């Protein structure tokens, strides 16, 4: 995450990144945009916390990093 005072140009590494999603911090901090779902992962039911944005589900390590970022800003999810 970064603050850049101008437009960015992204160059994706297709083996690593399918898409860049720019999500406003206010959207992430709004509890209406967070939820938990039960997914089957590795044959087990796992409760998965996630953020929703424009049809995307942001979960896993990315969601954990975002939660930590919000906490550092003093804006818990």
PDB file of N, CA and C in Angstrom:
ATOM      1  N   UNK A   1       0.841  -1.167   0.000  1.00  0.00           N
ATOM      2  CA  UNK A   1       0.000   0.000   0.000  1.00  0.00           C
ATOM      3  C   UNK A   1       0.883   1.225   0.000  1.00  0.00           C
ATOM      4  N   UNK A   2       0.401   2.232  -0.696  1.00  0.00           N
ATOM      5  CA  UNK A   2       1.210   3.432  -0.799  1.00  0.00           C
ATOM      6  C   UNK A   2       0.334   4.632  -1.118  1.00  0.00           C
ATOM      7  N   UNK A   3       0.877   5.797  -0.858  1.00  0.00           N
ATOM      8  CA  UNK A   3       0.261   7.040  -1.302  1.00  0.00           C
ATOM      9  C   UNK A   3       1.188   7.617  -2.357  1.00  0.00           C
ATOM     10  N   UNK A   4       0.647   7.868  -3.518  1.00  0.00           N
ATOM     11  CA  UNK A   4       1.419   8.428  -4.622  1.00  0.00           C
ATOM     12  C   UNK A   4       0.639   9.626  -5.151  1.00  0.00           C
ATOM     13  N   UNK A   5       1.277  10.780  -5.266  1.00  0.00           N
ATOM     14  CA  UNK A   5       0.550  11.991  -5.666  1.00  0.00           C
ATOM     15  C   UNK A   5       0.312  12.112  -7.174  1.00  0.00           C
ATOM     16  N   UNK A   6       0.039  11.028  -7.824  1.00  0.00           N
ATOM     17  CA  UNK A   6      -0.217  11.094  -9.262  1.00  0.00           C
ATOM     18  C   UNK A   6      -0.723   9.764  -9.769  1.00  0.00           C
ATOM     19  N   UNK A   7      -1.083   9.696 -11.028  1.00  0.00           N
ATOM     20  CA  UNK A   7      -1.579   8.423 -11.572  1.00  0.00           C
ATOM     21  C   UNK A   7      -0.474   7.369 -11.618  1.00  0.00           C
ATOM     22  N   UNK A   8      -0.888   6.134 -11.408  1.00  0.00           N
ATOM     23  CA  UNK A   8       0.063   5.013 -11.433  1.00  0.00           C
ATOM     24  C   UNK A   8      -0.098   4.226 -12.715  1.00  0.00           C
ATOM     25  N   UNK A   9       0.981   3.623 -13.143  1.00  0.00           N
ATOM     26  CA  UNK A   9       0.944   2.709 -14.280  1.00  0.00           C
ATOM     27  C   UNK A   9       1.406   1.353 -13.768  1.00  0.00           C
ATOM     28  N   UNK A  10       0.518   0.376 -13.836  1.00  0.00           N
ATOM     29  CA  UNK A  10       0.832  -0.954 -13.329  1.00  0.00           C
ATOM     30  C   UNK A  10       1.318  -1.850 -14.460  1.00  0.00           C
ATOM     31  N   UNK A  11       2.315  -2.667 -14.157  1.00  0.00           N
ATOM     32  CA  UNK A  11       2.830  -3.680 -15.078  1.00  0.00           C
ATOM     33  C   UNK A  11       2.755  -5.009 -14.336  1.00  0.00           C
ATOM     34  N   UNK A  12       1.760  -5.813 -14.672  1.00  0.00           N
ATOM     35  CA  UNK A  12       1.520  -7.046 -13.941  1.00  0.00           C
ATOM     36  C   UNK A  12       2.415  -8.171 -14.416  1.00  0.00           C
ATOM     37  N   UNK A  13       2.821  -8.999 -13.477  1.00  0.00           N
ATOM     38  CA  UNK A  13       3.506 -10.252 -13.777  1.00  0.00           C
ATOM     39  C   UNK A  13       2.404 -11.313 -13.831  1.00  0.00           C
ATOM     40  N   UNK A  14       1.997 -11.762 -15.027  1.00  0.00           N
ATOM     41  CA  UNK A  14       0.819 -12.630 -15.155  1.00  0.00           C
ATOM     42  C   UNK A  14       0.896 -13.933 -14.364  1.00  0.00           C
ATOM     43  N   UNK A  15       2.092 -14.422 -14.085  1.00  0.00           N
ATOM     44  CA  UNK A  15       2.213 -15.640 -13.278  1.00  0.00           C
ATOM     45  C   UNK A  15       1.903 -15.381 -11.803  1.00  0.00           C
ATOM     46  N   UNK A  16       1.935 -14.112 -11.397  1.00  0.00           N
ATOM     47  CA  UNK A  16       1.752 -13.753  -9.994  1.00  0.00           C
ATOM     48  C   UNK A  16       0.449 -13.001  -9.725  1.00  0.00           C
ATOM     49  N   UNK A  17       0.033 -12.149 -10.650  1.00  0.00           N
ATOM     50  CA  UNK A  17      -1.088 -11.233 -10.410  1.00  0.00           C
ATOM     51  C   UNK A  17      -2.036 -11.262 -11.599  1.00  0.00           C
ATOM     52  N   UNK A  18      -3.311 -11.502 -11.315  1.00  0.00           N
ATOM     53  CA  UNK A  18      -4.310 -11.517 -12.384  1.00  0.00           C
ATOM     54  C   UNK A  18      -4.899 -10.131 -12.611  1.00  0.00           C
ATOM     55  N   UNK A  19      -4.958  -9.331 -11.540  1.00  0.00           N
ATOM     56  CA  UNK A  19      -5.647  -8.048 -11.631  1.00  0.00           C
ATOM     57  C   UNK A  19      -5.248  -7.168 -10.458  1.00  0.00           C
ATOM     58  N   UNK A  20      -5.203  -5.864 -10.677  1.00  0.00           N
ATOM     59  CA  UNK A  20      -4.984  -4.892  -9.607  1.00  0.00           C
ATOM     60  C   UNK A  20      -6.341  -4.313  -9.239  1.00  0.00           C
ATOM     61  N   UNK A  21      -6.623  -4.292  -7.949  1.00  0.00           N
ATOM     62  CA  UNK A  21      -7.876  -3.734  -7.447  1.00  0.00           C
ATOM     63  C   UNK A  21      -7.516  -2.584  -6.519  1.00  0.00           C
ATOM     64  N   UNK A  22      -7.948  -1.386  -6.844  1.00  0.00           N
ATOM     65  CA  UNK A  22      -7.707  -0.221  -6.000  1.00  0.00           C
ATOM     66  C   UNK A  22      -8.954   0.025  -5.162  1.00  0.00           C
ATOM     67  N   UNK A  23      -8.814  -0.197  -3.854  1.00  0.00           N
ATOM     68  CA  UNK A  23      -9.946  -0.106  -2.934  1.00  0.00           C
ATOM     69  C   UNK A  23      -9.740   1.087  -2.002  1.00  0.00           C
ATOM     70  N   UNK A  24     -10.715   1.984  -1.922  1.00  0.00           N
ATOM     71  CA  UNK A  24     -10.590   3.109  -0.988  1.00  0.00           C
ATOM     72  C   UNK A  24     -10.520   2.626   0.468  1.00  0.00           C
ATOM     73  N   UNK A  25      -9.709   3.268   1.273  1.00  0.00           N
ATOM     74  CA  UNK A  25      -9.566   2.901   2.680  1.00  0.00           C
ATOM     75  C   UNK A  25     -10.914   2.986   3.392  1.00  0.00           C
ATOM     76  N   UNK A  26     -11.707   3.997   3.098  1.00  0.00           N
ATOM     77  CA  UNK A  26     -13.013   4.130   3.734  1.00  0.00           C
ATOM     78  C   UNK A  26     -13.898   2.917   3.459  1.00  0.00           C
ATOM     79  N   UNK A  27     -13.772   2.342   2.278  1.00  0.00           N
ATOM     80  CA  UNK A  27     -14.553   1.144   1.937  1.00  0.00           C
ATOM     81  C   UNK A  27     -14.115  -0.028   2.813  1.00  0.00           C
ATOM     82  N   UNK A  28     -12.815  -0.198   2.971  1.00  0.00           N
ATOM     83  CA  UNK A  28     -12.297  -1.293   3.788  1.00  0.00           C
ATOM     84  C   UNK A  28     -12.684  -1.131   5.254  1.00  0.00           C
ATOM     85  N   UNK A  29     -12.710   0.111   5.736  1.00  0.00           N
ATOM     86  CA  UNK A  29     -13.001   0.372   7.142  1.00  0.00           C
ATOM     87  C   UNK A  29     -14.488   0.261   7.471  1.00  0.00           C
ATOM     88  N   UNK A  30     -15.337   0.213   6.485  1.00  0.00           N
ATOM     89  CA  UNK A  30     -16.778   0.121   6.703  1.00  0.00           C
ATOM     90  C   UNK A  30     -17.143  -1.327   7.025  1.00  0.00           C
ATOM     91  N   UNK A  31     -17.654  -1.586   8.224  1.00  0.00           N
ATOM     92  CA  UNK A  31     -17.999  -2.963   8.599  1.00  0.00           C
ATOM     93  C   UNK A  31     -18.991  -3.634   7.648  1.00  0.00           C
ATOM     94  N   UNK A  32     -19.760  -2.860   6.910  1.00  0.00           N
ATOM     95  CA  UNK A  32     -20.712  -3.439   5.962  1.00  0.00           C
ATOM     96  C   UNK A  32     -20.000  -4.169   4.826  1.00  0.00           C
ATOM     97  N   UNK A  33     -18.715  -3.915   4.647  1.00  0.00           N
ATOM     98  CA  UNK A  33     -17.961  -4.522   3.550  1.00  0.00           C
ATOM     99  C   UNK A  33     -17.077  -5.678   3.995  1.00  0.00           C
ATOM    100  N   UNK A  34     -17.190  -6.065   5.258  1.00  0.00           N
ATOM    101  CA  UNK A  34     -16.437  -7.218   5.762  1.00  0.00           C
ATOM    102  C   UNK A  34     -17.421  -8.312   6.140  1.00  0.00           C
ATOM    103  N   UNK A  35     -16.979  -9.547   5.986  1.00  0.00           N
ATOM    104  CA  UNK A  35     -17.800 -10.667   6.424  1.00  0.00           C
ATOM    105  C   UNK A  35     -16.956 -11.921   6.549  1.00  0.00           C
ATOM    106  N   UNK A  36     -17.581 -12.955   7.030  1.00  0.00           N
ATOM    107  CA  UNK A  36     -16.935 -14.263   7.165  1.00  0.00           C
ATOM    108  C   UNK A  36     -17.787 -15.278   6.432  1.00  0.00           C
ATOM    109  N   UNK A  37     -17.120 -16.159   5.711  1.00  0.00           N
ATOM    110  CA  UNK A  37     -17.807 -17.243   5.015  1.00  0.00           C
ATOM    111  C   UNK A  37     -17.148 -18.562   5.402  1.00  0.00           C
ATOM    112  N   UNK A  38     -17.898 -19.627   5.327  1.00  0.00           N
ATOM    113  CA  UNK A  38     -17.330 -20.955   5.542  1.00  0.00           C
ATOM    114  C   UNK A  38     -17.027 -21.557   4.184  1.00  0.00           C
ATOM    115  N   UNK A  39     -15.759 -21.851   3.959  1.00  0.00           N
ATOM    116  CA  UNK A  39     -15.300 -22.453   2.709  1.00  0.00           C
ATOM    117  C   UNK A  39     -14.726 -23.830   3.019  1.00  0.00           C
ATOM    118  N   UNK A  40     -14.749 -24.705   2.025  1.00  0.00           N
ATOM    119  CA  UNK A  40     -14.084 -25.993   2.148  1.00  0.00           C
ATOM    120  C   UNK A  40     -12.699 -25.835   1.522  1.00  0.00           C
ATOM    121  N   UNK A  41     -11.690 -25.918   2.357  1.00  0.00           N
ATOM    122  CA  UNK A  41     -10.296 -25.792   1.912  1.00  0.00           C
ATOM    123  C   UNK A  41      -9.525 -27.009   2.411  1.00  0.00           C
ATOM    124  N   UNK A  42      -8.897 -27.711   1.509  1.00  0.00           N
ATOM    125  CA  UNK A  42      -8.145 -28.910   1.892  1.00  0.00           C
ATOM    126  C   UNK A  42      -9.034 -29.966   2.532  1.00  0.00           C
ATOM    127  N   UNK A  43     -10.305 -30.010   2.105  1.00  0.00           N
ATOM    128  CA  UNK A  43     -11.216 -30.999   2.641  1.00  0.00           C
ATOM    129  C   UNK A  43     -11.807 -30.657   3.997  1.00  0.00           C
ATOM    130  N   UNK A  44     -11.537 -29.462   4.500  1.00  0.00           N
ATOM    131  CA  UNK A  44     -12.051 -29.041   5.811  1.00  0.00           C
ATOM    132  C   UNK A  44     -12.870 -27.769   5.666  1.00  0.00           C
ATOM    133  N   UNK A  45     -13.857 -27.604   6.544  1.00  0.00           N
ATOM    134  CA  UNK A  45     -14.593 -26.346   6.619  1.00  0.00           C
ATOM    135  C   UNK A  45     -13.728 -25.324   7.349  1.00  0.00           C
ATOM    136  N   UNK A  46     -13.527 -24.173   6.718  1.00  0.00           N
ATOM    137  CA  UNK A  46     -12.682 -23.117   7.294  1.00  0.00           C
ATOM    138  C   UNK A  46     -13.462 -21.816   7.253  1.00  0.00           C
ATOM    139  N   UNK A  47     -13.481 -21.105   8.378  1.00  0.00           N
ATOM    140  CA  UNK A  47     -14.110 -19.788   8.402  1.00  0.00           C
ATOM    141  C   UNK A  47     -13.125 -18.776   7.824  1.00  0.00           C
ATOM    142  N   UNK A  48     -13.552 -18.092   6.763  1.00  0.00           N
ATOM    143  CA  UNK A  48     -12.672 -17.191   6.021  1.00  0.00           C
ATOM    144  C   UNK A  48     -13.169 -15.749   6.167  1.00  0.00           C
ATOM    145  N   UNK A  49     -12.378 -14.874   6.840  1.00  0.00           N
ATOM    146  CA  UNK A  49     -12.737 -13.456   6.863  1.00  0.00           C
ATOM    147  C   UNK A  49     -12.372 -12.826   5.527  1.00  0.00           C
ATOM    148  N   UNK A  50     -13.212 -11.907   5.065  1.00  0.00           N
ATOM    149  CA  UNK A  50     -12.920 -11.290   3.777  1.00  0.00           C
ATOM    150  C   UNK A  50     -13.529  -9.904   3.671  1.00  0.00           C
ATOM    151  N   UNK A  51     -13.003  -9.157   2.730  1.00  0.00           N
ATOM    152  CA  UNK A  51     -13.551  -7.857   2.332  1.00  0.00           C
ATOM    153  C   UNK A  51     -14.199  -8.046   0.971  1.00  0.00           C
ATOM    154  N   UNK A  52     -15.318  -7.352   0.751  1.00  0.00           N
ATOM    155  CA  UNK A  52     -15.952  -7.376  -0.564  1.00  0.00           C
ATOM    156  C   UNK A  52     -15.820  -6.009  -1.214  1.00  0.00           C
ATOM    157  N   UNK A  53     -15.520  -6.017  -2.510  1.00  0.00           N
ATOM    158  CA  UNK A  53     -15.398  -4.769  -3.258  1.00  0.00           C
ATOM    159  C   UNK A  53     -15.716  -5.038  -4.719  1.00  0.00           C
ATOM    160  N   UNK A  54     -16.770  -4.416  -5.191  1.00  0.00           N
ATOM    161  CA  UNK A  54     -17.158  -4.485  -6.607  1.00  0.00           C
ATOM    162  C   UNK A  54     -17.125  -5.914  -7.157  1.00  0.00           C
ATOM    163  N   UNK A  55     -17.745  -6.826  -6.412  1.00  0.00           N
ATOM    164  CA  UNK A  55     -17.830  -8.214  -6.858  1.00  0.00           C
ATOM    165  C   UNK A  55     -16.612  -9.059  -6.550  1.00  0.00           C
ATOM    166  N   UNK A  56     -15.579  -8.469  -5.982  1.00  0.00           N
ATOM    167  CA  UNK A  56     -14.367  -9.211  -5.623  1.00  0.00           C
ATOM    168  C   UNK A  56     -14.423  -9.603  -4.154  1.00  0.00           C
ATOM    169  N   UNK A  57     -13.845 -10.747  -3.846  1.00  0.00           N
ATOM    170  CA  UNK A  57     -13.656 -11.176  -2.468  1.00  0.00           C
ATOM    171  C   UNK A  57     -12.157 -11.125  -2.190  1.00  0.00           C
ATOM    172  N   UNK A  58     -11.783 -10.291  -1.246  1.00  0.00           N
ATOM    173  CA  UNK A  58     -10.372 -10.127  -0.883  1.00  0.00           C
ATOM    174  C   UNK A  58     -10.175 -10.887   0.419  1.00  0.00           C
ATOM    175  N   UNK A  59      -9.373 -11.951   0.376  1.00  0.00           N
ATOM    176  CA  UNK A  59      -9.257 -12.835   1.530  1.00  0.00           C
ATOM    177  C   UNK A  59      -7.815 -13.283   1.704  1.00  0.00           C
ATOM    178  N   UNK A  60      -7.602 -14.163   2.665  1.00  0.00           N
ATOM    179  CA  UNK A  60      -6.285 -14.749   2.890  1.00  0.00           C
ATOM    180  C   UNK A  60      -5.274 -13.738   3.387  1.00  0.00           C
ATOM    181  N   UNK A  61      -4.040 -13.909   2.938  1.00  0.00           N
ATOM    182  CA  UNK A  61      -2.955 -13.034   3.390  1.00  0.00           C
ATOM    183  C   UNK A  61      -3.225 -11.576   3.042  1.00  0.00           C
ATOM    184  N   UNK A  62      -3.863 -11.331   1.905  1.00  0.00           N
ATOM    185  CA  UNK A  62      -4.161  -9.949   1.515  1.00  0.00           C
ATOM    186  C   UNK A  62      -5.114  -9.324   2.523  1.00  0.00           C
ATOM    187  N   UNK A  63      -6.149 -10.037   2.929  1.00  0.00           N
ATOM    188  CA  UNK A  63      -7.095  -9.516   3.920  1.00  0.00           C
ATOM    189  C   UNK A  63      -6.404  -9.293   5.260  1.00  0.00           C
ATOM    190  N   UNK A  64      -5.495 -10.168   5.626  1.00  0.00           N
ATOM    191  CA  UNK A  64      -4.769  -9.999   6.890  1.00  0.00           C
ATOM    192  C   UNK A  64      -3.915  -8.742   6.862  1.00  0.00           C
ATOM    193  N   UNK A  65      -3.231  -8.497   5.752  1.00  0.00           N
ATOM    194  CA  UNK A  65      -2.402  -7.292   5.623  1.00  0.00           C
ATOM    195  C   UNK A  65      -3.282  -6.045   5.686  1.00  0.00           C
ATOM    196  N   UNK A  66      -4.423  -6.076   5.024  1.00  0.00           N
ATOM    197  CA  UNK A  66      -5.327  -4.929   5.044  1.00  0.00           C
ATOM    198  C   UNK A  66      -5.863  -4.663   6.450  1.00  0.00           C
ATOM    199  N   UNK A  67      -6.203  -5.710   7.196  1.00  0.00           N
ATOM    200  CA  UNK A  67      -6.683  -5.549   8.570  1.00  0.00           C
ATOM    201  C   UNK A  67      -5.608  -4.914   9.442  1.00  0.00           C
ATOM    202  N   UNK A  68      -4.363  -5.348   9.270  1.00  0.00           N
ATOM    203  CA  UNK A  68      -3.250  -4.752  10.022  1.00  0.00           C
ATOM    204  C   UNK A  68      -3.059  -3.283   9.645  1.00  0.00           C
ATOM    205  N   UNK A  69      -3.177  -2.981   8.373  1.00  0.00           N
ATOM    206  CA  UNK A  69      -3.047  -1.605   7.886  1.00  0.00           C
ATOM    207  C   UNK A  69      -4.121  -0.716   8.519  1.00  0.00           C
ATOM    208  N   UNK A  70      -5.368  -1.200   8.528  1.00  0.00           N
ATOM    209  CA  UNK A  70      -6.455  -0.432   9.132  1.00  0.00           C
ATOM    210  C   UNK A  70      -6.203  -0.217  10.624  1.00  0.00           C
ATOM    211  N   UNK A  71      -5.698  -1.231  11.287  1.00  0.00           N
ATOM    212  CA  UNK A  71      -5.389  -1.103  12.721  1.00  0.00           C
ATOM    213  C   UNK A  71      -4.321  -0.051  12.956  1.00  0.00           C
ATOM    214  N   UNK A  72      -3.306  -0.017  12.099  1.00  0.00           N
ATOM    215  CA  UNK A  72      -2.255   0.995  12.229  1.00  0.00           C
ATOM    216  C   UNK A  72      -2.800   2.407  12.029  1.00  0.00           C
ATOM    217  N   UNK A  73      -3.827   2.514  11.179  1.00  0.00           N
ATOM    218  CA  UNK A  73      -4.462   3.811  10.952  1.00  0.00           C
ATOM    219  C   UNK A  73      -5.440   4.175  12.061  1.00  0.00           C
ATOM    220  N   UNK A  74      -5.654   3.239  12.974  1.00  0.00           N
ATOM    221  CA  UNK A  74      -6.625   3.471  14.037  1.00  0.00           C
ATOM    222  C   UNK A  74      -8.042   3.289  13.570  1.00  0.00           C
ATOM    223  N   UNK A  75      -8.215   2.510  12.508  1.00  0.00           N
ATOM    224  CA  UNK A  75      -9.539   2.270  11.924  1.00  0.00           C
ATOM    225  C   UNK A  75      -9.779   0.771  11.850  1.00  0.00           C
ATOM    226  N   UNK A  76     -10.106   0.163  12.983  1.00  0.00           N
ATOM    227  CA  UNK A  76     -10.310  -1.304  12.955  1.00  0.00           C
ATOM    228  C   UNK A  76     -11.482  -1.674  12.074  1.00  0.00           C
ATOM    229  N   UNK A  77     -11.398  -2.877  11.520  1.00  0.00           N
ATOM    230  CA  UNK A  77     -12.483  -3.344  10.645  1.00  0.00           C
ATOM    231  C   UNK A  77     -13.737  -3.585  11.435  1.00  0.00           C
TER     232      UNK A  77
END
